Protein backbone atom coordinates (compact mmCIF):
# COMPACT_ATOMS: atom_id res chain seq x y z
CA MET A 1 13.96 0.24 -10.36
CA ALA A 2 14.92 3.88 -10.51
CA PRO A 3 12.60 5.73 -8.14
CA ARG A 4 11.25 8.98 -9.53
CA ALA A 5 10.17 10.18 -6.13
CA ARG A 6 12.06 11.44 -3.16
CA PHE A 7 9.79 9.47 -0.80
CA LEU A 8 8.87 5.78 -0.74
CA TYR A 9 6.04 4.55 1.44
CA LEU A 10 6.19 0.84 2.18
CA VAL A 11 3.10 -0.97 3.46
CA LEU A 12 3.58 -4.57 4.63
CA MET A 13 0.97 -7.06 5.77
CA ASP A 14 -0.22 -10.61 5.97
CA VAL A 15 -3.72 -11.77 5.10
CA GLU A 16 -5.76 -14.72 6.28
CA PRO A 17 -5.50 -17.53 3.70
CA ALA A 18 -9.27 -17.79 3.30
CA THR A 19 -9.41 -14.13 2.24
CA GLU A 20 -6.28 -14.08 0.05
CA ALA A 21 -8.06 -14.28 -3.33
CA ASP A 22 -10.40 -11.40 -2.43
CA PHE A 23 -7.47 -9.47 -0.94
CA ASN A 24 -5.57 -9.65 -4.23
CA ARG A 25 -8.63 -8.87 -6.35
CA VAL A 26 -9.63 -5.82 -4.31
CA TYR A 27 -6.04 -4.58 -3.98
CA ASP A 28 -5.44 -4.79 -7.75
CA THR A 29 -8.80 -3.66 -9.10
CA GLU A 30 -9.96 -1.17 -6.49
CA HIS A 31 -7.48 -0.17 -3.77
CA ILE A 32 -4.41 0.64 -5.88
CA PRO A 33 -6.37 2.40 -8.67
CA THR A 34 -8.14 4.57 -6.06
CA LEU A 35 -4.91 5.48 -4.25
CA LEU A 36 -3.23 6.35 -7.56
CA LYS A 37 -5.80 9.15 -8.00
CA VAL A 38 -4.68 10.83 -4.76
CA PRO A 39 -2.61 13.98 -5.34
CA GLY A 40 1.03 13.24 -4.54
CA VAL A 41 0.89 9.49 -5.22
CA LEU A 42 3.14 8.92 -8.24
CA SER A 43 3.11 5.13 -8.51
CA ALA A 44 2.20 1.96 -6.67
CA THR A 45 3.68 -1.52 -7.01
CA ARG A 46 2.79 -4.70 -5.15
CA TYR A 47 5.07 -7.58 -4.13
CA ARG A 48 4.73 -10.98 -2.48
CA THR A 49 7.39 -13.03 -0.72
CA SER A 50 7.72 -16.59 0.51
CA THR A 51 10.44 -15.59 3.00
CA PRO A 52 9.41 -16.84 6.45
CA ASP A 53 8.94 -14.52 9.43
CA VAL A 54 8.24 -11.37 7.38
CA PRO A 55 4.91 -10.06 6.09
CA ARG A 56 3.93 -11.86 2.88
CA TYR A 57 2.69 -8.80 0.97
CA ALA A 58 4.24 -5.41 0.32
CA ALA A 59 2.95 -2.35 -1.50
CA LEU A 60 5.48 0.31 -2.46
CA TYR A 61 4.20 3.81 -3.18
CA GLU A 62 6.28 6.59 -4.70
CA LEU A 63 5.19 9.89 -3.17
CA GLU A 64 5.84 13.58 -3.73
CA SER A 65 5.78 14.27 0.03
CA PRO A 66 5.97 12.26 3.26
CA ASP A 67 2.68 13.93 4.28
CA VAL A 68 0.63 12.27 1.52
CA PRO A 69 -0.48 9.22 3.59
CA ARG A 70 -1.81 11.56 6.30
CA SER A 71 -3.75 13.71 3.83
CA ASP A 72 -7.54 13.74 3.83
CA ALA A 73 -7.56 12.59 0.20
CA PHE A 74 -5.35 9.57 0.97
CA GLN A 75 -7.38 8.65 4.05
CA ARG A 76 -10.65 8.88 2.12
CA ALA A 77 -9.22 6.71 -0.66
CA ALA A 78 -7.83 4.14 1.79
CA ASP A 79 -11.21 3.94 3.54
CA SER A 80 -13.32 3.55 0.40
CA GLY A 81 -14.82 0.58 -1.40
CA GLU A 82 -14.55 -3.00 -0.18
CA TRP A 83 -11.14 -2.51 1.43
CA PRO A 84 -12.08 -1.22 4.92
CA VAL A 85 -14.98 -3.61 5.53
CA LYS A 86 -14.29 -6.75 3.52
CA ILE A 87 -10.46 -6.92 3.45
CA ARG A 88 -8.75 -4.85 6.17
CA PRO A 89 -10.29 -6.86 9.06
CA HIS A 90 -8.58 -9.98 7.66
CA THR A 91 -5.10 -8.44 7.51
CA ARG A 92 -2.51 -8.60 10.27
CA ASN A 93 1.12 -7.85 10.96
CA ARG A 94 0.70 -4.48 9.21
CA LYS A 95 3.62 -2.09 9.01
CA HIS A 96 3.81 1.37 7.43
CA ILE A 97 7.29 2.72 6.73
CA MET A 98 8.31 5.99 5.07
CA TYR A 99 11.71 6.21 3.35
CA THR A 100 13.47 9.35 2.11
CA ARG A 101 15.84 9.05 -0.83
CA ILE A 102 19.38 9.95 0.25
CA ASP A 103 21.23 10.16 -3.05
CA PRO A 104 21.94 13.66 -4.40
């Protein structure tokens, strides 16, 4: 993967097994499409691992600025739809990490 953006925002989490199907449905059909409409969000890609002792799911966002996740538009998008009420309460071990590209 050749990142287009100078900033990568990594969101990691686990989800309760009973909610996993809804988690994936809402993430793919609602959450990601909504966040992709936020100014400054260039792309979003999801991953899953079976590696023990690390969060099972990861979402990697390419951003124009490290301030995008703190923007009103991003916060409104992240708090819309089924995500905040139906899915977020069933997630745990959440981590949010911002990376800055260091190559010239």
